[in-house]
Amino acid sequence: MNVEKLIIEAQRGDEEAMNELIKIYFPLVSINTKNFFIIGAEKEDLVQEGLLGLLKAIKYYDPSKIAFNNFAILCIRRQILSAIKSANSKKNMILNEAISNNLISDEYSTLELDFASNDSSPEEIFFSKNKLENFQRFTLINFSKLEKKVLEYIIRGYSYKEIAKQLEVSPKSIDNSIQRIRKKAETWLKTYNLN
């Protein structure tokens, strides 16, 4: 049975189809959790969040709008980022008040939640700030105007459909921009040996 048929069956409540899809896409979940962490949580917690994202992708998938693989990645990452943001929001209240964001524009300030926490040492905070500022400089030089806008909305947790609506462009344009952003971000990670 192909993936499309498995998704249809899973959406109808077929547990075997759901289990088969989880088995097929579990490596995708693992890959998408490897560069993230939640302070005080185990790696398995992020994998569980990734699996929740995969389940949402299966439940809400519409084959007329996007390829399932791309939709699954978006749902998995959105779930992971949402969990990180939620876990770190309370821990970062003091940090966000204490560290000036003068060098970081507003659209990047939410990324700080992923790079530093209230439990971080001054050295970790310093290096996190440098990493964030370095990435911001990279995007200013290497990202197109559309890619910068799309990234801004991704950071805020918007789905690709919501971004398309906000920017008044087709979902396909947003999907293409996200693919380019991903490739450029991977280049940045390799260049700065951060992966």
N, C-alpha and C. Protein backbone atom coordinates (compact mmCIF):
# COMPACT_ATOMS: atom_id res chain seq x y z
N MET A 1 0.84 -1.19 0.00
CA MET A 1 0.00 0.00 0.00
C MET A 1 0.89 1.25 0.00
N ASN A 2 0.58 2.21 -0.88
CA ASN A 2 1.41 3.41 -0.93
C ASN A 2 1.03 4.38 0.19
N VAL A 3 1.86 5.40 0.38
CA VAL A 3 1.71 6.34 1.49
C VAL A 3 0.37 7.06 1.43
N GLU A 4 -0.03 7.51 0.25
CA GLU A 4 -1.30 8.23 0.11
C GLU A 4 -2.47 7.38 0.61
N LYS A 5 -2.47 6.10 0.24
CA LYS A 5 -3.54 5.21 0.67
C LYS A 5 -3.48 4.97 2.17
N LEU A 6 -2.26 4.82 2.70
CA LEU A 6 -2.10 4.64 4.14
C LEU A 6 -2.64 5.85 4.91
N ILE A 7 -2.38 7.05 4.38
CA ILE A 7 -2.86 8.27 5.03
C ILE A 7 -4.39 8.30 5.04
N ILE A 8 -4.99 7.97 3.91
CA ILE A 8 -6.46 7.95 3.83
C ILE A 8 -7.02 6.97 4.84
N GLU A 9 -6.42 5.77 4.91
CA GLU A 9 -6.89 4.76 5.86
C GLU A 9 -6.69 5.24 7.30
N ALA A 10 -5.54 5.85 7.58
CA ALA A 10 -5.26 6.35 8.93
C ALA A 10 -6.24 7.46 9.31
N GLN A 11 -6.57 8.33 8.36
CA GLN A 11 -7.53 9.40 8.62
C GLN A 11 -8.92 8.84 8.91
N ARG A 12 -9.18 7.64 8.42
CA ARG A 12 -10.47 6.98 8.68
C ARG A 12 -10.46 6.18 9.98
N GLY A 13 -9.31 6.19 10.67
CA GLY A 13 -9.23 5.51 11.97
C GLY A 13 -8.57 4.16 11.96
N ASP A 14 -7.95 3.77 10.85
CA ASP A 14 -7.27 2.47 10.76
C ASP A 14 -5.94 2.54 11.53
N GLU A 15 -5.89 1.82 12.67
CA GLU A 15 -4.70 1.85 13.52
C GLU A 15 -3.48 1.22 12.85
N GLU A 16 -3.69 0.17 12.08
CA GLU A 16 -2.57 -0.48 11.39
C GLU A 16 -1.93 0.47 10.39
N ALA A 17 -2.76 1.21 9.66
CA ALA A 17 -2.23 2.19 8.70
C ALA A 17 -1.46 3.28 9.44
N MET A 18 -2.01 3.73 10.58
CA MET A 18 -1.34 4.76 11.39
C MET A 18 0.02 4.26 11.87
N ASN A 19 0.06 3.04 12.39
CA ASN A 19 1.31 2.45 12.88
C ASN A 19 2.34 2.30 11.75
N GLU A 20 1.87 1.93 10.58
CA GLU A 20 2.77 1.79 9.42
C GLU A 20 3.36 3.14 9.04
N LEU A 21 2.53 4.19 9.05
CA LEU A 21 3.02 5.54 8.73
C LEU A 21 4.04 6.02 9.76
N ILE A 22 3.78 5.74 11.03
CA ILE A 22 4.73 6.13 12.08
C ILE A 22 6.06 5.41 11.86
N LYS A 23 5.98 4.14 11.51
CA LYS A 23 7.19 3.35 11.25
C LYS A 23 7.97 3.94 10.06
N ILE A 24 7.26 4.30 9.00
CA ILE A 24 7.90 4.84 7.80
C ILE A 24 8.54 6.19 8.08
N TYR A 25 7.84 7.05 8.84
CA TYR A 25 8.28 8.43 9.03
C TYR A 25 9.04 8.69 10.33
N PHE A 26 9.26 7.65 11.14
CA PHE A 26 10.01 7.85 12.38
C PHE A 26 11.42 8.42 12.13
N PRO A 27 12.14 7.96 11.10
CA PRO A 27 13.46 8.58 10.83
C PRO A 27 13.37 10.08 10.56
N LEU A 28 12.31 10.52 9.92
CA LEU A 28 12.10 11.95 9.66
C LEU A 28 11.92 12.71 10.98
N VAL A 29 11.21 12.10 11.92
CA VAL A 29 11.03 12.70 13.24
C VAL A 29 12.39 12.82 13.93
N SER A 30 13.17 11.75 13.90
CA SER A 30 14.49 11.74 14.55
C SER A 30 15.41 12.80 13.98
N ILE A 31 15.45 12.91 12.66
CA ILE A 31 16.31 13.89 11.99
C ILE A 31 15.91 15.31 12.41
N ASN A 32 14.62 15.56 12.52
CA ASN A 32 14.14 16.90 12.82
C ASN A 32 14.22 17.26 14.29
N THR A 33 14.58 16.32 15.16
CA THR A 33 14.75 16.65 16.58
C THR A 33 16.21 16.77 16.97
N LYS A 34 17.13 16.36 16.12
CA LYS A 34 18.53 16.25 16.55
C LYS A 34 19.21 17.58 16.86
N ASN A 35 18.77 18.69 16.27
CA ASN A 35 19.42 19.97 16.51
C ASN A 35 18.69 20.84 17.53
N PHE A 36 17.73 20.26 18.25
CA PHE A 36 16.97 21.01 19.24
C PHE A 36 17.12 20.38 20.61
N PHE A 37 16.82 21.18 21.64
CA PHE A 37 16.80 20.65 23.01
C PHE A 37 15.85 21.49 23.85
N ILE A 38 15.37 20.87 24.92
CA ILE A 38 14.58 21.58 25.92
C ILE A 38 15.36 21.45 27.22
N ILE A 39 15.64 22.59 27.83
CA ILE A 39 16.37 22.58 29.10
C ILE A 39 15.62 21.71 30.11
N GLY A 40 16.35 20.79 30.73
CA GLY A 40 15.76 19.95 31.76
C GLY A 40 14.93 18.79 31.24
N ALA A 41 14.89 18.59 29.95
CA ALA A 41 14.11 17.49 29.38
C ALA A 41 15.04 16.50 28.69
N GLU A 42 14.55 15.31 28.49
CA GLU A 42 15.30 14.27 27.80
C GLU A 42 15.09 14.39 26.29
N LYS A 43 16.01 13.83 25.52
CA LYS A 43 15.89 13.84 24.07
C LYS A 43 14.60 13.14 23.63
N GLU A 44 14.21 12.11 24.38
CA GLU A 44 12.99 11.37 24.05
C GLU A 44 11.74 12.27 24.11
N ASP A 45 11.79 13.29 24.99
CA ASP A 45 10.65 14.21 25.08
C ASP A 45 10.46 14.96 23.76
N LEU A 46 11.56 15.35 23.15
CA LEU A 46 11.47 16.03 21.85
C LEU A 46 11.00 15.07 20.77
N VAL A 47 11.45 13.83 20.84
CA VAL A 47 11.00 12.83 19.87
C VAL A 47 9.48 12.65 20.01
N GLN A 48 8.98 12.63 21.24
CA GLN A 48 7.53 12.52 21.46
C GLN A 48 6.80 13.71 20.85
N GLU A 49 7.37 14.91 21.02
CA GLU A 49 6.77 16.10 20.41
C GLU A 49 6.77 15.98 18.88
N GLY A 50 7.89 15.48 18.35
CA GLY A 50 7.98 15.27 16.90
C GLY A 50 6.93 14.29 16.41
N LEU A 51 6.70 13.23 17.19
CA LEU A 51 5.67 12.25 16.83
C LEU A 51 4.27 12.87 16.88
N LEU A 52 4.03 13.75 17.85
CA LEU A 52 2.75 14.47 17.89
C LEU A 52 2.56 15.30 16.62
N GLY A 53 3.66 15.95 16.20
CA GLY A 53 3.62 16.72 14.95
C GLY A 53 3.30 15.83 13.76
N LEU A 54 3.90 14.64 13.73
CA LEU A 54 3.64 13.69 12.64
C LEU A 54 2.18 13.26 12.65
N LEU A 55 1.63 12.98 13.83
CA LEU A 55 0.22 12.59 13.93
C LEU A 55 -0.70 13.70 13.43
N LYS A 56 -0.36 14.94 13.76
CA LYS A 56 -1.15 16.08 13.26
C LYS A 56 -1.05 16.16 11.73
N ALA A 57 0.15 15.91 11.22
CA ALA A 57 0.34 15.94 9.76
C ALA A 57 -0.55 14.90 9.10
N ILE A 58 -0.59 13.71 9.66
CA ILE A 58 -1.42 12.63 9.09
C ILE A 58 -2.89 13.03 9.16
N LYS A 59 -3.30 13.56 10.29
CA LYS A 59 -4.71 13.91 10.50
C LYS A 59 -5.19 15.01 9.55
N TYR A 60 -4.35 16.03 9.35
CA TYR A 60 -4.80 17.21 8.59
C TYR A 60 -4.29 17.27 7.15
N TYR A 61 -3.60 16.24 6.71
CA TYR A 61 -3.02 16.27 5.37
C TYR A 61 -4.08 16.36 4.27
N ASP A 62 -3.81 17.26 3.33
CA ASP A 62 -4.66 17.43 2.15
C ASP A 62 -3.76 17.29 0.92
N PRO A 63 -3.85 16.18 0.18
CA PRO A 63 -2.93 15.93 -0.94
C PRO A 63 -3.01 16.95 -2.06
N SER A 64 -4.07 17.74 -2.11
CA SER A 64 -4.20 18.73 -3.19
C SER A 64 -3.37 19.98 -2.93
N LYS A 65 -2.79 20.10 -1.72
CA LYS A 65 -2.11 21.35 -1.37
C LYS A 65 -0.58 21.25 -1.30
N ILE A 66 -0.05 20.12 -0.87
CA ILE A 66 1.40 20.00 -0.65
C ILE A 66 1.77 18.51 -0.60
N ALA A 67 3.03 18.23 -0.88
CA ALA A 67 3.51 16.85 -0.74
C ALA A 67 3.53 16.48 0.75
N PHE A 68 3.20 15.24 1.05
CA PHE A 68 3.10 14.85 2.46
C PHE A 68 4.42 15.02 3.20
N ASN A 69 5.52 14.67 2.55
CA ASN A 69 6.82 14.78 3.20
C ASN A 69 7.07 16.21 3.70
N ASN A 70 6.80 17.19 2.84
CA ASN A 70 7.00 18.59 3.22
C ASN A 70 6.04 19.01 4.33
N PHE A 71 4.79 18.57 4.22
CA PHE A 71 3.80 18.90 5.24
C PHE A 71 4.18 18.28 6.58
N ALA A 72 4.64 17.03 6.55
CA ALA A 72 5.06 16.35 7.78
C ALA A 72 6.21 17.09 8.45
N ILE A 73 7.20 17.51 7.66
CA ILE A 73 8.34 18.26 8.21
C ILE A 73 7.86 19.54 8.87
N LEU A 74 6.98 20.27 8.20
CA LEU A 74 6.44 21.52 8.77
C LEU A 74 5.73 21.26 10.10
N CYS A 75 4.88 20.23 10.13
CA CYS A 75 4.12 19.92 11.35
C CYS A 75 5.04 19.45 12.48
N ILE A 76 6.01 18.62 12.15
CA ILE A 76 6.95 18.11 13.15
C ILE A 76 7.74 19.27 13.75
N ARG A 77 8.30 20.12 12.91
CA ARG A 77 9.10 21.24 13.40
C ARG A 77 8.27 22.25 14.17
N ARG A 78 7.08 22.50 13.70
CA ARG A 78 6.21 23.46 14.39
C ARG A 78 5.88 22.94 15.80
N GLN A 79 5.61 21.65 15.91
CA GLN A 79 5.31 21.06 17.22
C GLN A 79 6.52 21.14 18.14
N ILE A 80 7.70 20.85 17.61
CA ILE A 80 8.93 20.90 18.40
C ILE A 80 9.20 22.32 18.87
N LEU A 81 9.11 23.29 17.95
CA LEU A 81 9.37 24.68 18.31
C LEU A 81 8.35 25.19 19.31
N SER A 82 7.11 24.77 19.17
CA SER A 82 6.07 25.15 20.12
C SER A 82 6.39 24.61 21.51
N ALA A 83 6.85 23.37 21.58
CA ALA A 83 7.21 22.77 22.87
C ALA A 83 8.40 23.49 23.50
N ILE A 84 9.39 23.82 22.68
CA ILE A 84 10.57 24.54 23.18
C ILE A 84 10.17 25.92 23.70
N LYS A 85 9.37 26.60 22.91
CA LYS A 85 8.93 27.94 23.30
C LYS A 85 8.15 27.90 24.60
N SER A 86 7.27 26.94 24.72
CA SER A 86 6.47 26.79 25.92
C SER A 86 7.34 26.47 27.13
N ALA A 87 8.28 25.53 26.96
CA ALA A 87 9.14 25.13 28.07
C ALA A 87 10.08 26.24 28.51
N ASN A 88 10.53 27.02 27.54
CA ASN A 88 11.52 28.06 27.86
C ASN A 88 10.92 29.41 28.23
N SER A 89 9.65 29.62 27.95
CA SER A 89 9.09 30.97 28.14
C SER A 89 9.21 31.45 29.57
N LYS A 90 8.87 30.63 30.54
CA LYS A 90 8.97 31.05 31.93
C LYS A 90 10.43 31.18 32.36
N LYS A 91 11.27 30.26 31.91
CA LYS A 91 12.68 30.30 32.30
C LYS A 91 13.38 31.53 31.75
N ASN A 92 12.86 32.06 30.63
CA ASN A 92 13.55 33.16 29.96
C ASN A 92 13.03 34.55 30.31
N MET A 93 12.02 34.64 31.17
CA MET A 93 11.47 35.96 31.46
C MET A 93 12.54 36.90 32.03
N ILE A 94 13.32 36.43 32.99
CA ILE A 94 14.35 37.27 33.59
C ILE A 94 15.45 37.55 32.57
N LEU A 95 15.86 36.50 31.82
CA LEU A 95 16.90 36.67 30.81
C LEU A 95 16.50 37.69 29.76
N ASN A 96 15.28 37.61 29.28
CA ASN A 96 14.82 38.53 28.24
C ASN A 96 14.79 39.96 28.73
N GLU A 97 14.52 40.16 30.01
CA GLU A 97 14.53 41.50 30.56
C GLU A 97 15.96 41.98 30.78
N ALA A 98 16.86 41.08 31.14
CA ALA A 98 18.22 41.46 31.50
C ALA A 98 19.14 41.71 30.31
N ILE A 99 18.91 41.00 29.21
CA ILE A 99 19.81 41.13 28.05
C ILE A 99 19.22 42.11 27.06
N SER A 100 20.00 43.10 26.69
CA SER A 100 19.52 44.08 25.72
C SER A 100 19.47 43.45 24.34
N ASN A 101 18.42 43.78 23.61
CA ASN A 101 18.27 43.27 22.25
C ASN A 101 18.66 44.33 21.23
N ASN A 102 19.46 45.31 21.63
CA ASN A 102 19.81 46.40 20.73
C ASN A 102 20.43 45.92 19.42
N LEU A 103 21.20 44.85 19.49
CA LEU A 103 21.88 44.37 18.29
C LEU A 103 21.02 43.37 17.50
N ILE A 104 19.89 43.00 18.08
CA ILE A 104 19.06 41.98 17.44
C ILE A 104 17.71 42.59 17.11
N SER A 105 17.31 42.52 15.85
CA SER A 105 16.02 43.10 15.46
C SER A 105 14.88 42.29 16.05
N ASP A 106 13.70 42.89 16.13
CA ASP A 106 12.55 42.28 16.81
C ASP A 106 12.19 40.91 16.27
N GLU A 107 12.26 40.73 14.94
CA GLU A 107 11.82 39.44 14.40
C GLU A 107 12.71 38.29 14.84
N TYR A 108 13.94 38.58 15.29
CA TYR A 108 14.85 37.53 15.73
C TYR A 108 14.81 37.32 17.23
N SER A 109 14.18 38.22 17.97
CA SER A 109 14.25 38.13 19.43
C SER A 109 13.62 36.85 19.95
N THR A 110 12.59 36.31 19.27
CA THR A 110 11.99 35.07 19.74
C THR A 110 12.93 33.88 19.57
N LEU A 111 13.88 33.98 18.65
CA LEU A 111 14.86 32.90 18.49
C LEU A 111 15.71 32.74 19.73
N GLU A 112 15.84 33.82 20.51
CA GLU A 112 16.67 33.78 21.70
C GLU A 112 16.20 32.68 22.65
N LEU A 113 14.92 32.38 22.62
CA LEU A 113 14.39 31.33 23.47
C LEU A 113 15.04 29.99 23.17
N ASP A 114 15.40 29.77 21.92
CA ASP A 114 16.01 28.50 21.54
C ASP A 114 17.51 28.46 21.83
N PHE A 115 18.13 29.63 21.92
CA PHE A 115 19.58 29.66 22.08
C PHE A 115 20.06 29.78 23.52
N ALA A 116 19.25 30.32 24.41
CA ALA A 116 19.71 30.52 25.78
C ALA A 116 18.56 30.30 26.75
N SER A 117 18.91 30.00 28.00
CA SER A 117 17.89 29.87 29.02
C SER A 117 18.34 30.56 30.29
N ASN A 118 17.43 30.74 31.22
CA ASN A 118 17.72 31.39 32.48
C ASN A 118 18.76 30.61 33.27
N ASP A 119 18.88 29.29 33.00
CA ASP A 119 19.84 28.45 33.70
C ASP A 119 21.22 28.49 33.06
N SER A 120 21.38 29.21 31.95
CA SER A 120 22.65 29.23 31.24
C SER A 120 23.68 30.06 31.99
N SER A 121 24.95 29.67 31.81
CA SER A 121 26.03 30.45 32.40
C SER A 121 26.24 31.71 31.56
N PRO A 122 26.93 32.72 32.10
CA PRO A 122 27.21 33.92 31.31
C PRO A 122 27.94 33.61 30.00
N GLU A 123 28.84 32.61 30.03
CA GLU A 123 29.57 32.24 28.81
C GLU A 123 28.61 31.67 27.76
N GLU A 124 27.69 30.82 28.21
CA GLU A 124 26.73 30.23 27.27
C GLU A 124 25.83 31.31 26.68
N ILE A 125 25.41 32.25 27.52
CA ILE A 125 24.57 33.35 27.03
C ILE A 125 25.34 34.17 26.01
N PHE A 126 26.61 34.47 26.31
CA PHE A 126 27.44 35.26 25.39
C PHE A 126 27.56 34.56 24.04
N PHE A 127 27.89 33.26 24.05
CA PHE A 127 28.06 32.53 22.80
C PHE A 127 26.73 32.37 22.06
N SER A 128 25.64 32.22 22.81
CA SER A 128 24.32 32.13 22.18
C SER A 128 23.97 33.43 21.48
N LYS A 129 24.24 34.56 22.14
CA LYS A 129 23.98 35.86 21.54
C LYS A 129 24.83 36.04 20.28
N ASN A 130 26.10 35.64 20.35
CA ASN A 130 26.98 35.75 19.18
C ASN A 130 26.47 34.89 18.03
N LYS A 131 26.02 33.68 18.34
CA LYS A 131 25.49 32.78 17.31
C LYS A 131 24.27 33.40 16.64
N LEU A 132 23.39 33.97 17.47
CA LEU A 132 22.18 34.59 16.95
C LEU A 132 22.51 35.79 16.07
N GLU A 133 23.43 36.64 16.54
CA GLU A 133 23.81 37.81 15.76
C GLU A 133 24.50 37.41 14.46
N ASN A 134 25.31 36.34 14.52
CA ASN A 134 25.99 35.83 13.34
C ASN A 134 24.97 35.34 12.31
N PHE A 135 23.95 34.62 12.77
CA PHE A 135 22.92 34.13 11.87
C PHE A 135 22.13 35.29 11.27
N GLN A 136 21.87 36.31 12.08
CA GLN A 136 21.14 37.47 11.56
C GLN A 136 21.94 38.15 10.44
N ARG A 137 23.25 38.32 10.65
CA ARG A 137 24.09 38.93 9.60
C ARG A 137 24.07 38.07 8.34
N PHE A 138 24.12 36.74 8.52
CA PHE A 138 24.09 35.81 7.39
C PHE A 138 22.79 35.99 6.59
N THR A 139 21.66 36.08 7.30
CA THR A 139 20.38 36.22 6.59
C THR A 139 20.30 37.56 5.85
N LEU A 140 20.83 38.62 6.45
CA LEU A 140 20.79 39.93 5.80
C LEU A 140 21.54 39.91 4.47
N ILE A 141 22.62 39.17 4.42
CA ILE A 141 23.46 39.11 3.21
C ILE A 141 22.93 38.08 2.20
N ASN A 142 22.48 36.93 2.70
CA ASN A 142 22.21 35.79 1.82
C ASN A 142 20.74 35.50 1.52
N PHE A 143 19.83 36.08 2.27
CA PHE A 143 18.40 35.79 2.07
C PHE A 143 17.76 36.88 1.21
N SER A 144 16.86 36.47 0.32
CA SER A 144 16.09 37.43 -0.46
C SER A 144 15.08 38.13 0.46
N LYS A 145 14.45 39.17 -0.05
CA LYS A 145 13.45 39.89 0.74
C LYS A 145 12.31 38.95 1.16
N LEU A 146 11.84 38.12 0.22
CA LEU A 146 10.77 37.18 0.53
C LEU A 146 11.23 36.16 1.57
N GLU A 147 12.43 35.63 1.41
CA GLU A 147 12.95 34.64 2.36
C GLU A 147 13.05 35.22 3.76
N LYS A 148 13.47 36.48 3.87
CA LYS A 148 13.54 37.13 5.19
C LYS A 148 12.17 37.22 5.82
N LYS A 149 11.17 37.60 5.02
CA LYS A 149 9.80 37.71 5.53
C LYS A 149 9.27 36.33 5.95
N VAL A 150 9.50 35.33 5.10
CA VAL A 150 9.04 33.97 5.40
C VAL A 150 9.68 33.48 6.70
N LEU A 151 10.99 33.68 6.84
CA LEU A 151 11.70 33.27 8.05
C LEU A 151 11.11 33.96 9.28
N GLU A 152 10.80 35.23 9.14
CA GLU A 152 10.20 35.99 10.24
C GLU A 152 8.90 35.32 10.71
N TYR A 153 8.07 34.92 9.75
CA TYR A 153 6.81 34.27 10.11
C TYR A 153 7.03 32.86 10.65
N ILE A 154 8.02 32.14 10.12
CA ILE A 154 8.34 30.80 10.64
C ILE A 154 8.73 30.91 12.10
N ILE A 155 9.58 31.88 12.42
CA ILE A 155 10.03 32.08 13.80
C ILE A 155 8.84 32.33 14.72
N ARG A 156 7.85 33.01 14.20
CA ARG A 156 6.66 33.31 15.00
C ARG A 156 5.69 32.13 15.09
N GLY A 157 5.99 31.04 14.36
CA GLY A 157 5.19 29.83 14.46
C GLY A 157 4.05 29.71 13.47
N TYR A 158 4.06 30.54 12.42
CA TYR A 158 3.00 30.47 11.41
C TYR A 158 3.19 29.23 10.54
N SER A 159 2.08 28.67 10.05
CA SER A 159 2.15 27.58 9.08
C SER A 159 2.42 28.18 7.70
N TYR A 160 2.80 27.33 6.74
CA TYR A 160 3.08 27.85 5.41
C TYR A 160 1.84 28.48 4.78
N LYS A 161 0.64 27.92 5.07
CA LYS A 161 -0.59 28.50 4.53
C LYS A 161 -0.85 29.88 5.12
N GLU A 162 -0.62 30.00 6.43
CA GLU A 162 -0.80 31.30 7.09
C GLU A 162 0.18 32.33 6.54
N ILE A 163 1.41 31.89 6.28
CA ILE A 163 2.42 32.80 5.72
C ILE A 163 1.99 33.26 4.33
N ALA A 164 1.52 32.30 3.52
CA ALA A 164 1.06 32.63 2.16
C ALA A 164 -0.05 33.67 2.20
N LYS A 165 -0.96 33.50 3.14
CA LYS A 165 -2.07 34.43 3.27
C LYS A 165 -1.56 35.81 3.71
N GLN A 166 -0.67 35.84 4.68
CA GLN A 166 -0.13 37.10 5.19
C GLN A 166 0.64 37.87 4.11
N LEU A 167 1.41 37.14 3.32
CA LEU A 167 2.26 37.78 2.31
C LEU A 167 1.57 37.89 0.94
N GLU A 168 0.36 37.32 0.86
CA GLU A 168 -0.43 37.37 -0.37
C GLU A 168 0.31 36.77 -1.57
N VAL A 169 0.88 35.59 -1.34
CA VAL A 169 1.53 34.83 -2.40
C VAL A 169 1.01 33.40 -2.33
N SER A 170 1.33 32.61 -3.33
CA SER A 170 0.83 31.23 -3.36
C SER A 170 1.55 30.37 -2.33
N PRO A 171 0.86 29.34 -1.80
CA PRO A 171 1.52 28.42 -0.88
C PRO A 171 2.76 27.77 -1.50
N LYS A 172 2.73 27.55 -2.82
CA LYS A 172 3.88 26.96 -3.51
C LYS A 172 5.09 27.88 -3.40
N SER A 173 4.89 29.20 -3.52
CA SER A 173 5.99 30.16 -3.37
C SER A 173 6.59 30.08 -1.98
N ILE A 174 5.71 29.92 -0.98
CA ILE A 174 6.18 29.82 0.41
C ILE A 174 6.95 28.53 0.59
N ASP A 175 6.41 27.44 0.04
CA ASP A 175 7.09 26.15 0.15
C ASP A 175 8.48 26.23 -0.48
N ASN A 176 8.57 26.84 -1.66
CA ASN A 176 9.87 26.99 -2.33
C ASN A 176 10.82 27.85 -1.49
N SER A 177 10.29 28.92 -0.90
CA SER A 177 11.12 29.79 -0.05
C SER A 177 11.64 29.03 1.16
N ILE A 178 10.76 28.21 1.76
CA ILE A 178 11.17 27.43 2.93
C ILE A 178 12.28 26.45 2.56
N GLN A 179 12.17 25.84 1.38
CA GLN A 179 13.23 24.92 0.93
C GLN A 179 14.56 25.67 0.76
N ARG A 180 14.49 26.87 0.17
CA ARG A 180 15.72 27.67 0.00
C ARG A 180 16.29 28.10 1.36
N ILE A 181 15.42 28.50 2.27
CA ILE A 181 15.85 28.90 3.61
C ILE A 181 16.55 27.74 4.29
N ARG A 182 15.96 26.54 4.17
CA ARG A 182 16.55 25.35 4.79
C ARG A 182 17.95 25.09 4.24
N LYS A 183 18.10 25.17 2.91
CA LYS A 183 19.41 24.92 2.30
C LYS A 183 20.44 25.97 2.74
N LYS A 184 20.01 27.22 2.77
CA LYS A 184 20.93 28.30 3.17
C LYS A 184 21.30 28.17 4.65
N ALA A 185 20.33 27.79 5.49
CA ALA A 185 20.60 27.61 6.92
C ALA A 185 21.58 26.45 7.12
N GLU A 186 21.42 25.39 6.32
CA GLU A 186 22.36 24.26 6.41
C GLU A 186 23.76 24.71 6.01
N THR A 187 23.85 25.56 4.99
CA THR A 187 25.16 26.11 4.58
C THR A 187 25.77 26.89 5.72
N TRP A 188 24.95 27.72 6.37
CA TRP A 188 25.44 28.51 7.51
C TRP A 188 25.95 27.60 8.62
N LEU A 189 25.17 26.54 8.94
CA LEU A 189 25.59 25.61 9.99
C LEU A 189 26.93 24.96 9.66
N LYS A 190 27.09 24.55 8.39
CA LYS A 190 28.36 23.92 7.99
C LYS A 190 29.50 24.92 8.03
N THR A 191 29.25 26.13 7.53
CA THR A 191 30.28 27.17 7.48
C THR A 191 30.80 27.51 8.87
N TYR A 192 29.87 27.60 9.81
CA TYR A 192 30.26 27.99 11.17
C TYR A 192 30.40 26.81 12.10
N ASN A 193 30.40 25.59 11.52
CA ASN A 193 30.63 24.37 12.27
C ASN A 193 29.72 24.28 13.50
N LEU A 194 28.43 24.57 13.28
CA LEU A 194 27.49 24.59 14.39
C LEU A 194 26.57 23.38 14.42
N ASN A 195 26.68 22.51 13.44
CA ASN A 195 25.75 21.39 13.41
C ASN A 195 26.24 20.24 14.26
